mmCIF file of all heavy atoms, coordinates in Angstrom:
data_MODEL
# 
_entry.id   MODEL 
# 
loop_
_atom_site.group_PDB 
_atom_site.id 
_atom_site.type_symbol 
_atom_site.label_atom_id 
_atom_site.label_alt_id 
_atom_site.label_comp_id 
_atom_site.label_asym_id 
_atom_site.label_entity_id 
_atom_site.label_seq_id 
_atom_site.pdbx_PDB_ins_code 
_atom_site.Cartn_x 
_atom_site.Cartn_y 
_atom_site.Cartn_z 
_atom_site.occupancy 
_atom_site.B_iso_or_equiv 
_atom_site.pdbx_formal_charge 
_atom_site.auth_seq_id 
_atom_site.auth_comp_id 
_atom_site.auth_asym_id 
_atom_site.auth_atom_id 
_atom_site.pdbx_PDB_model_num 
ATOM 1   N N   . GLY A 1 1  ? 45.829 177.849 91.148  1.00 0.00 ? 1  GLY A N   1 
ATOM 2   C CA  . GLY A 1 1  ? 45.988 179.088 91.821  1.00 0.00 ? 1  GLY A CA  1 
ATOM 3   C C   . GLY A 1 1  ? 46.061 178.833 93.413  1.00 0.00 ? 1  GLY A C   1 
ATOM 4   O O   . GLY A 1 1  ? 46.906 179.531 94.055  1.00 0.00 ? 1  GLY A O   1 
ATOM 5   N N   . PHE A 1 2  ? 45.405 177.912 93.888  1.00 0.00 ? 2  PHE A N   1 
ATOM 6   C CA  . PHE A 1 2  ? 45.483 177.519 95.294  1.00 0.00 ? 2  PHE A CA  1 
ATOM 7   C C   . PHE A 1 2  ? 46.891 177.040 95.664  1.00 0.00 ? 2  PHE A C   1 
ATOM 8   O O   . PHE A 1 2  ? 47.507 177.344 96.599  1.00 0.00 ? 2  PHE A O   1 
ATOM 9   C CB  . PHE A 1 2  ? 44.340 176.556 95.683  1.00 0.00 ? 2  PHE A CB  1 
ATOM 10  C CG  . PHE A 1 2  ? 44.530 175.967 97.053  1.00 0.00 ? 2  PHE A CG  1 
ATOM 11  C CD1 . PHE A 1 2  ? 44.033 176.733 98.072  1.00 0.00 ? 2  PHE A CD1 1 
ATOM 12  C CD2 . PHE A 1 2  ? 44.992 174.717 97.354  1.00 0.00 ? 2  PHE A CD2 1 
ATOM 13  C CE1 . PHE A 1 2  ? 44.181 176.271 99.389  1.00 0.00 ? 2  PHE A CE1 1 
ATOM 14  C CE2 . PHE A 1 2  ? 45.086 174.255 98.649  1.00 0.00 ? 2  PHE A CE2 1 
ATOM 15  C CZ  . PHE A 1 2  ? 44.676 174.994 99.636  1.00 0.00 ? 2  PHE A CZ  1 
ATOM 16  N N   . VAL A 1 3  ? 47.423 176.128 94.855  1.00 0.00 ? 3  VAL A N   1 
ATOM 17  C CA  . VAL A 1 3  ? 48.692 175.546 95.064  1.00 0.00 ? 3  VAL A CA  1 
ATOM 18  C C   . VAL A 1 3  ? 49.798 176.733 95.051  1.00 0.00 ? 3  VAL A C   1 
ATOM 19  O O   . VAL A 1 3  ? 50.660 176.733 95.893  1.00 0.00 ? 3  VAL A O   1 
ATOM 20  C CB  . VAL A 1 3  ? 49.072 174.475 94.046  1.00 0.00 ? 3  VAL A CB  1 
ATOM 21  C CG1 . VAL A 1 3  ? 50.524 174.049 94.183  1.00 0.00 ? 3  VAL A CG1 1 
ATOM 22  C CG2 . VAL A 1 3  ? 48.070 173.333 94.261  1.00 0.00 ? 3  VAL A CG2 1 
ATOM 23  N N   . ALA A 1 4  ? 49.665 177.637 94.104  1.00 0.00 ? 4  ALA A N   1 
ATOM 24  C CA  . ALA A 1 4  ? 50.579 178.714 93.939  1.00 0.00 ? 4  ALA A CA  1 
ATOM 25  C C   . ALA A 1 4  ? 50.565 179.620 95.162  1.00 0.00 ? 4  ALA A C   1 
ATOM 26  O O   . ALA A 1 4  ? 51.579 180.050 95.677  1.00 0.00 ? 4  ALA A O   1 
ATOM 27  C CB  . ALA A 1 4  ? 50.343 179.506 92.702  1.00 0.00 ? 4  ALA A CB  1 
ATOM 28  N N   . ALA A 1 5  ? 49.240 179.809 95.664  1.00 0.00 ? 5  ALA A N   1 
ATOM 29  C CA  . ALA A 1 5  ? 49.111 180.664 96.910  1.00 0.00 ? 5  ALA A CA  1 
ATOM 30  C C   . ALA A 1 5  ? 49.822 180.043 98.041  1.00 0.00 ? 5  ALA A C   1 
ATOM 31  O O   . ALA A 1 5  ? 50.423 180.687 98.871  1.00 0.00 ? 5  ALA A O   1 
ATOM 32  C CB  . ALA A 1 5  ? 47.645 180.972 97.103  1.00 0.00 ? 5  ALA A CB  1 
ATOM 33  N N   . VAL A 1 6  ? 49.634 178.694 98.233  1.00 0.00 ? 6  VAL A N   1 
ATOM 34  C CA  . VAL A 1 6  ? 50.228 178.008 99.431  1.00 0.00 ? 6  VAL A CA  1 
ATOM 35  C C   . VAL A 1 6  ? 51.709 178.073 99.315  1.00 0.00 ? 6  VAL A C   1 
ATOM 36  O O   . VAL A 1 6  ? 52.405 178.283 100.334 1.00 0.00 ? 6  VAL A O   1 
ATOM 37  C CB  . VAL A 1 6  ? 49.731 176.518 99.415  1.00 0.00 ? 6  VAL A CB  1 
ATOM 38  C CG1 . VAL A 1 6  ? 50.544 175.698 100.413 1.00 0.00 ? 6  VAL A CG1 1 
ATOM 39  C CG2 . VAL A 1 6  ? 48.292 176.360 99.657  1.00 0.00 ? 6  VAL A CG2 1 
ATOM 40  N N   . VAL A 1 7  ? 52.252 177.917 98.089  1.00 0.00 ? 7  VAL A N   1 
ATOM 41  C CA  . VAL A 1 7  ? 53.756 177.887 97.877  1.00 0.00 ? 7  VAL A CA  1 
ATOM 42  C C   . VAL A 1 7  ? 54.272 179.407 98.263  1.00 0.00 ? 7  VAL A C   1 
ATOM 43  O O   . VAL A 1 7  ? 55.265 179.473 98.995  1.00 0.00 ? 7  VAL A O   1 
ATOM 44  C CB  . VAL A 1 7  ? 54.119 177.564 96.476  1.00 0.00 ? 7  VAL A CB  1 
ATOM 45  C CG1 . VAL A 1 7  ? 55.546 177.856 96.221  1.00 0.00 ? 7  VAL A CG1 1 
ATOM 46  C CG2 . VAL A 1 7  ? 53.874 176.151 96.239  1.00 0.00 ? 7  VAL A CG2 1 
ATOM 47  N N   . LEU A 1 8  ? 53.583 180.416 97.755  1.00 0.00 ? 8  LEU A N   1 
ATOM 48  C CA  . LEU A 1 8  ? 53.927 181.805 98.091  1.00 0.00 ? 8  LEU A CA  1 
ATOM 49  C C   . LEU A 1 8  ? 53.867 182.103 99.505  1.00 0.00 ? 8  LEU A C   1 
ATOM 50  O O   . LEU A 1 8  ? 54.671 182.775 100.171 1.00 0.00 ? 8  LEU A O   1 
ATOM 51  C CB  . LEU A 1 8  ? 53.118 182.770 97.227  1.00 0.00 ? 8  LEU A CB  1 
ATOM 52  C CG  . LEU A 1 8  ? 53.413 182.771 95.801  1.00 0.00 ? 8  LEU A CG  1 
ATOM 53  C CD1 . LEU A 1 8  ? 52.361 183.664 95.112  1.00 0.00 ? 8  LEU A CD1 1 
ATOM 54  C CD2 . LEU A 1 8  ? 54.887 183.276 95.547  1.00 0.00 ? 8  LEU A CD2 1 
ATOM 55  N N   . LEU A 1 9  ? 52.737 181.549 100.252 1.00 0.00 ? 9  LEU A N   1 
ATOM 56  C CA  . LEU A 1 9  ? 52.665 181.727 101.692 1.00 0.00 ? 9  LEU A CA  1 
ATOM 57  C C   . LEU A 1 9  ? 53.810 181.093 102.417 1.00 0.00 ? 9  LEU A C   1 
ATOM 58  O O   . LEU A 1 9  ? 54.393 181.710 103.307 1.00 0.00 ? 9  LEU A O   1 
ATOM 59  C CB  . LEU A 1 9  ? 51.280 181.109 102.095 1.00 0.00 ? 9  LEU A CB  1 
ATOM 60  C CG  . LEU A 1 9  ? 50.994 181.275 103.633 1.00 0.00 ? 9  LEU A CG  1 
ATOM 61  C CD1 . LEU A 1 9  ? 51.001 182.763 104.077 1.00 0.00 ? 9  LEU A CD1 1 
ATOM 62  C CD2 . LEU A 1 9  ? 49.655 180.617 103.995 1.00 0.00 ? 9  LEU A CD2 1 
ATOM 63  N N   . GLY A 1 10 ? 54.109 179.909 102.049 1.00 0.00 ? 10 GLY A N   1 
ATOM 64  C CA  . GLY A 1 10 ? 55.316 179.161 102.691 1.00 0.00 ? 10 GLY A CA  1 
ATOM 65  C C   . GLY A 1 10 ? 56.597 179.917 102.462 1.00 0.00 ? 10 GLY A C   1 
ATOM 66  O O   . GLY A 1 10 ? 57.457 180.180 103.382 1.00 0.00 ? 10 GLY A O   1 
ATOM 67  N N   . TYR A 1 11 ? 56.725 180.405 101.185 1.00 0.00 ? 11 TYR A N   1 
ATOM 68  C CA  . TYR A 1 11 ? 57.920 181.233 100.945 1.00 0.00 ? 11 TYR A CA  1 
ATOM 69  C C   . TYR A 1 11 ? 57.970 182.561 101.740 1.00 0.00 ? 11 TYR A C   1 
ATOM 70  O O   . TYR A 1 11 ? 59.086 182.851 102.340 1.00 0.00 ? 11 TYR A O   1 
ATOM 71  C CB  . TYR A 1 11 ? 57.991 181.600 99.592  1.00 0.00 ? 11 TYR A CB  1 
ATOM 72  C CG  . TYR A 1 11 ? 59.206 182.582 99.103  1.00 0.00 ? 11 TYR A CG  1 
ATOM 73  C CD1 . TYR A 1 11 ? 60.421 182.108 98.960  1.00 0.00 ? 11 TYR A CD1 1 
ATOM 74  C CD2 . TYR A 1 11 ? 58.906 183.875 98.818  1.00 0.00 ? 11 TYR A CD2 1 
ATOM 75  C CE1 . TYR A 1 11 ? 61.438 182.943 98.636  1.00 0.00 ? 11 TYR A CE1 1 
ATOM 76  C CE2 . TYR A 1 11 ? 59.989 184.817 98.482  1.00 0.00 ? 11 TYR A CE2 1 
ATOM 77  C CZ  . TYR A 1 11 ? 61.190 184.295 98.398  1.00 0.00 ? 11 TYR A CZ  1 
ATOM 78  O OH  . TYR A 1 11 ? 62.258 185.194 98.073  1.00 0.00 ? 11 TYR A OH  1 
ATOM 79  N N   . ALA A 1 12 ? 56.825 183.169 101.945 1.00 0.00 ? 12 ALA A N   1 
ATOM 80  C CA  . ALA A 1 12 ? 56.736 184.394 102.843 1.00 0.00 ? 12 ALA A CA  1 
ATOM 81  C C   . ALA A 1 12 ? 57.089 184.136 104.257 1.00 0.00 ? 12 ALA A C   1 
ATOM 82  O O   . ALA A 1 12 ? 57.881 184.881 104.933 1.00 0.00 ? 12 ALA A O   1 
ATOM 83  C CB  . ALA A 1 12 ? 55.450 185.144 102.546 1.00 0.00 ? 12 ALA A CB  1 
ATOM 84  N N   . VAL A 1 13 ? 56.554 183.052 104.769 1.00 0.00 ? 13 VAL A N   1 
ATOM 85  C CA  . VAL A 1 13 ? 56.873 182.691 106.155 1.00 0.00 ? 13 VAL A CA  1 
ATOM 86  C C   . VAL A 1 13 ? 58.271 182.348 106.430 1.00 0.00 ? 13 VAL A C   1 
ATOM 87  O O   . VAL A 1 13 ? 58.923 182.837 107.314 1.00 0.00 ? 13 VAL A O   1 
ATOM 88  C CB  . VAL A 1 13 ? 55.977 181.514 106.567 1.00 0.00 ? 13 VAL A CB  1 
ATOM 89  C CG1 . VAL A 1 13 ? 56.377 181.030 107.991 1.00 0.00 ? 13 VAL A CG1 1 
ATOM 90  C CG2 . VAL A 1 13 ? 54.502 181.894 106.612 1.00 0.00 ? 13 VAL A CG2 1 
ATOM 91  N N   . VAL A 1 14 ? 58.830 181.547 105.427 1.00 0.00 ? 14 VAL A N   1 
ATOM 92  C CA  . VAL A 1 14 ? 60.290 181.231 105.624 1.00 0.00 ? 14 VAL A CA  1 
ATOM 93  C C   . VAL A 1 14 ? 61.135 182.430 105.516 1.00 0.00 ? 14 VAL A C   1 
ATOM 94  O O   . VAL A 1 14 ? 62.124 182.605 106.194 1.00 0.00 ? 14 VAL A O   1 
ATOM 95  C CB  . VAL A 1 14 ? 60.721 180.159 104.605 1.00 0.00 ? 14 VAL A CB  1 
ATOM 96  C CG1 . VAL A 1 14 ? 62.153 179.912 104.602 1.00 0.00 ? 14 VAL A CG1 1 
ATOM 97  C CG2 . VAL A 1 14 ? 59.923 178.933 104.891 1.00 0.00 ? 14 VAL A CG2 1 
ATOM 98  N N   . SER A 1 15 ? 60.859 183.276 104.553 1.00 0.00 ? 15 SER A N   1 
ATOM 99  C CA  . SER A 1 15 ? 61.640 184.532 104.402 1.00 0.00 ? 15 SER A CA  1 
ATOM 100 C C   . SER A 1 15 ? 61.517 185.467 105.615 1.00 0.00 ? 15 SER A C   1 
ATOM 101 O O   . SER A 1 15 ? 62.595 186.061 106.094 1.00 0.00 ? 15 SER A O   1 
ATOM 102 C CB  . SER A 1 15 ? 61.215 185.377 103.167 1.00 0.00 ? 15 SER A CB  1 
ATOM 103 O OG  . SER A 1 15 ? 61.410 184.540 102.001 1.00 0.00 ? 15 SER A OG  1 
ATOM 104 N N   . LYS A 1 16 ? 60.367 185.498 106.289 1.00 0.00 ? 16 LYS A N   1 
ATOM 105 C CA  . LYS A 1 16 ? 60.113 186.276 107.468 1.00 0.00 ? 16 LYS A CA  1 
ATOM 106 C C   . LYS A 1 16 ? 61.076 185.713 108.574 1.00 0.00 ? 16 LYS A C   1 
ATOM 107 O O   . LYS A 1 16 ? 61.624 186.373 109.380 1.00 0.00 ? 16 LYS A O   1 
ATOM 108 C CB  . LYS A 1 16 ? 58.698 186.240 107.838 1.00 0.00 ? 16 LYS A CB  1 
ATOM 109 C CG  . LYS A 1 16 ? 58.310 186.979 109.120 1.00 0.00 ? 16 LYS A CG  1 
ATOM 110 C CD  . LYS A 1 16 ? 58.567 188.460 108.963 1.00 0.00 ? 16 LYS A CD  1 
ATOM 111 C CE  . LYS A 1 16 ? 58.167 189.198 110.173 1.00 0.00 ? 16 LYS A CE  1 
ATOM 112 N NZ  . LYS A 1 16 ? 58.393 190.757 110.061 1.00 0.00 ? 16 LYS A NZ  1 
ATOM 113 N N   . LEU A 1 17 ? 61.063 184.308 108.757 1.00 0.00 ? 17 LEU A N   1 
ATOM 114 C CA  . LEU A 1 17 ? 61.809 183.735 109.789 1.00 0.00 ? 17 LEU A CA  1 
ATOM 115 C C   . LEU A 1 17 ? 63.303 183.973 109.691 1.00 0.00 ? 17 LEU A C   1 
ATOM 116 O O   . LEU A 1 17 ? 63.998 184.163 110.636 1.00 0.00 ? 17 LEU A O   1 
ATOM 117 C CB  . LEU A 1 17 ? 61.474 182.279 109.853 1.00 0.00 ? 17 LEU A CB  1 
ATOM 118 C CG  . LEU A 1 17 ? 60.018 181.923 110.311 1.00 0.00 ? 17 LEU A CG  1 
ATOM 119 C CD1 . LEU A 1 17 ? 59.835 180.353 110.248 1.00 0.00 ? 17 LEU A CD1 1 
ATOM 120 C CD2 . LEU A 1 17 ? 59.738 182.369 111.649 1.00 0.00 ? 17 LEU A CD2 1 
ATOM 121 N N   . VAL A 1 18 ? 63.824 183.932 108.471 1.00 0.00 ? 18 VAL A N   1 
ATOM 122 C CA  . VAL A 1 18 ? 65.228 184.041 108.162 1.00 0.00 ? 18 VAL A CA  1 
ATOM 123 C C   . VAL A 1 18 ? 65.606 185.503 108.042 1.00 0.00 ? 18 VAL A C   1 
ATOM 124 O O   . VAL A 1 18 ? 66.828 185.893 107.878 1.00 0.00 ? 18 VAL A O   1 
ATOM 125 C CB  . VAL A 1 18 ? 65.733 183.350 107.016 1.00 0.00 ? 18 VAL A CB  1 
ATOM 126 C CG1 . VAL A 1 18 ? 65.410 181.872 107.168 1.00 0.00 ? 18 VAL A CG1 1 
ATOM 127 C CG2 . VAL A 1 18 ? 65.134 183.782 105.688 1.00 0.00 ? 18 VAL A CG2 1 
ATOM 128 N N   . GLY A 1 19 ? 64.594 186.489 108.050 1.00 0.00 ? 19 GLY A N   1 
ATOM 129 C CA  . GLY A 1 19 ? 64.926 187.851 108.093 1.00 0.00 ? 19 GLY A CA  1 
ATOM 130 C C   . GLY A 1 19 ? 65.241 188.357 106.679 1.00 0.00 ? 19 GLY A C   1 
ATOM 131 O O   . GLY A 1 19 ? 65.947 189.454 106.575 1.00 0.00 ? 19 GLY A O   1 
ATOM 132 N N   . GLY A 1 20 ? 64.785 187.725 105.620 1.00 0.00 ? 20 GLY A N   1 
ATOM 133 C CA  . GLY A 1 20 ? 65.136 188.071 104.209 1.00 0.00 ? 20 GLY A CA  1 
ATOM 134 C C   . GLY A 1 20 ? 64.050 188.765 103.502 1.00 0.00 ? 20 GLY A C   1 
ATOM 135 O O   . GLY A 1 20 ? 63.987 188.873 102.339 1.00 0.00 ? 20 GLY A O   1 
ATOM 136 N N   . THR A 1 21 ? 63.012 189.313 104.219 1.00 0.00 ? 21 THR A N   1 
ATOM 137 C CA  . THR A 1 21 ? 61.891 189.926 103.573 1.00 0.00 ? 21 THR A CA  1 
ATOM 138 C C   . THR A 1 21 ? 62.149 191.302 103.028 1.00 0.00 ? 21 THR A C   1 
ATOM 139 O O   . THR A 1 21 ? 62.865 192.095 103.728 1.00 0.00 ? 21 THR A O   1 
ATOM 140 C CB  . THR A 1 21 ? 60.647 190.012 104.516 1.00 0.00 ? 21 THR A CB  1 
ATOM 141 O OG1 . THR A 1 21 ? 61.085 190.681 105.690 1.00 0.00 ? 21 THR A OG1 1 
ATOM 142 C CG2 . THR A 1 21 ? 60.215 188.588 104.951 1.00 0.00 ? 21 THR A CG2 1 
ATOM 143 N N   . VAL A 1 22 ? 61.774 191.578 101.878 1.00 0.00 ? 22 VAL A N   1 
ATOM 144 C CA  . VAL A 1 22 ? 61.867 192.923 101.277 1.00 0.00 ? 22 VAL A CA  1 
ATOM 145 C C   . VAL A 1 22 ? 60.579 193.385 100.726 1.00 0.00 ? 22 VAL A C   1 
ATOM 146 O O   . VAL A 1 22 ? 59.970 192.633 99.964  1.00 0.00 ? 22 VAL A O   1 
ATOM 147 C CB  . VAL A 1 22 ? 62.930 192.934 100.110 1.00 0.00 ? 22 VAL A CB  1 
ATOM 148 C CG1 . VAL A 1 22 ? 63.065 194.354 99.516  1.00 0.00 ? 22 VAL A CG1 1 
ATOM 149 C CG2 . VAL A 1 22 ? 64.285 192.440 100.687 1.00 0.00 ? 22 VAL A CG2 1 
ATOM 150 N N   . ALA A 1 23 ? 60.113 194.474 101.097 1.00 0.00 ? 23 ALA A N   1 
ATOM 151 C CA  . ALA A 1 23 ? 58.829 195.058 100.642 1.00 0.00 ? 23 ALA A CA  1 
ATOM 152 C C   . ALA A 1 23 ? 58.851 195.250 99.095  1.00 0.00 ? 23 ALA A C   1 
ATOM 153 O O   . ALA A 1 23 ? 59.693 196.090 98.568  1.00 0.00 ? 23 ALA A O   1 
ATOM 154 C CB  . ALA A 1 23 ? 58.511 196.391 101.333 1.00 0.00 ? 23 ALA A CB  1 
ATOM 155 N N   . GLY A 1 24 ? 58.204 194.380 98.311  1.00 0.00 ? 24 GLY A N   1 
ATOM 156 C CA  . GLY A 1 24 ? 58.305 194.547 96.878  1.00 0.00 ? 24 GLY A CA  1 
ATOM 157 C C   . GLY A 1 24 ? 56.889 194.812 96.226  1.00 0.00 ? 24 GLY A C   1 
ATOM 158 O O   . GLY A 1 24 ? 55.947 193.990 96.353  1.00 0.00 ? 24 GLY A O   1 
ATOM 159 N N   . TRP A 1 25 ? 56.843 195.961 95.523  1.00 0.00 ? 25 TRP A N   1 
ATOM 160 C CA  . TRP A 1 25 ? 55.625 196.425 94.927  1.00 0.00 ? 25 TRP A CA  1 
ATOM 161 C C   . TRP A 1 25 ? 55.323 195.541 93.678  1.00 0.00 ? 25 TRP A C   1 
ATOM 162 O O   . TRP A 1 25 ? 54.210 195.188 93.379  1.00 0.00 ? 25 TRP A O   1 
ATOM 163 C CB  . TRP A 1 25 ? 55.663 197.867 94.607  1.00 0.00 ? 25 TRP A CB  1 
ATOM 164 C CG  . TRP A 1 25 ? 54.512 198.349 93.791  1.00 0.00 ? 25 TRP A CG  1 
ATOM 165 C CD1 . TRP A 1 25 ? 53.342 198.772 94.380  1.00 0.00 ? 25 TRP A CD1 1 
ATOM 166 C CD2 . TRP A 1 25 ? 54.361 198.495 92.544  1.00 0.00 ? 25 TRP A CD2 1 
ATOM 167 N NE1 . TRP A 1 25 ? 52.468 199.197 93.502  1.00 0.00 ? 25 TRP A NE1 1 
ATOM 168 C CE2 . TRP A 1 25 ? 53.071 199.003 92.166  1.00 0.00 ? 25 TRP A CE2 1 
ATOM 169 C CE3 . TRP A 1 25 ? 55.198 198.238 91.371  1.00 0.00 ? 25 TRP A CE3 1 
ATOM 170 C CZ2 . TRP A 1 25 ? 52.636 199.271 90.988  1.00 0.00 ? 25 TRP A CZ2 1 
ATOM 171 C CZ3 . TRP A 1 25 ? 54.744 198.529 90.135  1.00 0.00 ? 25 TRP A CZ3 1 
ATOM 172 C CH2 . TRP A 1 25 ? 53.475 199.062 89.920  1.00 0.00 ? 25 TRP A CH2 1 
ATOM 173 N N   . THR A 1 26 ? 56.451 195.184 92.900  1.00 0.00 ? 26 THR A N   1 
ATOM 174 C CA  . THR A 1 26 ? 56.215 194.567 91.639  1.00 0.00 ? 26 THR A CA  1 
ATOM 175 C C   . THR A 1 26 ? 55.600 193.204 91.786  1.00 0.00 ? 26 THR A C   1 
ATOM 176 O O   . THR A 1 26 ? 54.809 192.719 91.165  1.00 0.00 ? 26 THR A O   1 
ATOM 177 C CB  . THR A 1 26 ? 57.531 194.420 90.901  1.00 0.00 ? 26 THR A CB  1 
ATOM 178 O OG1 . THR A 1 26 ? 58.063 195.707 90.730  1.00 0.00 ? 26 THR A OG1 1 
ATOM 179 C CG2 . THR A 1 26 ? 57.411 193.758 89.545  1.00 0.00 ? 26 THR A CG2 1 
ATOM 180 N N   . SER A 1 27 ? 56.178 192.424 92.811  1.00 0.00 ? 27 SER A N   1 
ATOM 181 C CA  . SER A 1 27 ? 55.790 191.071 93.094  1.00 0.00 ? 27 SER A CA  1 
ATOM 182 C C   . SER A 1 27 ? 54.248 191.087 93.522  1.00 0.00 ? 27 SER A C   1 
ATOM 183 O O   . SER A 1 27 ? 53.488 190.205 93.159  1.00 0.00 ? 27 SER A O   1 
ATOM 184 C CB  . SER A 1 27 ? 56.576 190.407 94.084  1.00 0.00 ? 27 SER A CB  1 
ATOM 185 O OG  . SER A 1 27 ? 56.603 191.036 95.313  1.00 0.00 ? 27 SER A OG  1 
ATOM 186 N N   . THR A 1 28 ? 53.814 192.015 94.344  1.00 0.00 ? 28 THR A N   1 
ATOM 187 C CA  . THR A 1 28 ? 52.530 192.076 94.807  1.00 0.00 ? 28 THR A CA  1 
ATOM 188 C C   . THR A 1 28 ? 51.489 192.405 93.563  1.00 0.00 ? 28 THR A C   1 
ATOM 189 O O   . THR A 1 28 ? 50.602 191.708 93.556  1.00 0.00 ? 28 THR A O   1 
ATOM 190 C CB  . THR A 1 28 ? 52.347 193.244 95.797  1.00 0.00 ? 28 THR A CB  1 
ATOM 191 O OG1 . THR A 1 28 ? 53.266 192.905 96.935  1.00 0.00 ? 28 THR A OG1 1 
ATOM 192 C CG2 . THR A 1 28 ? 50.983 193.257 96.350  1.00 0.00 ? 28 THR A CG2 1 
# 
């Protein structure tokens, strides 16, 4: 779970930097 959380955090940061973030209720 810790590794998955780190991966998701990295994905969220990269997506934020490239401007590809989409508010998603299902994924949350």
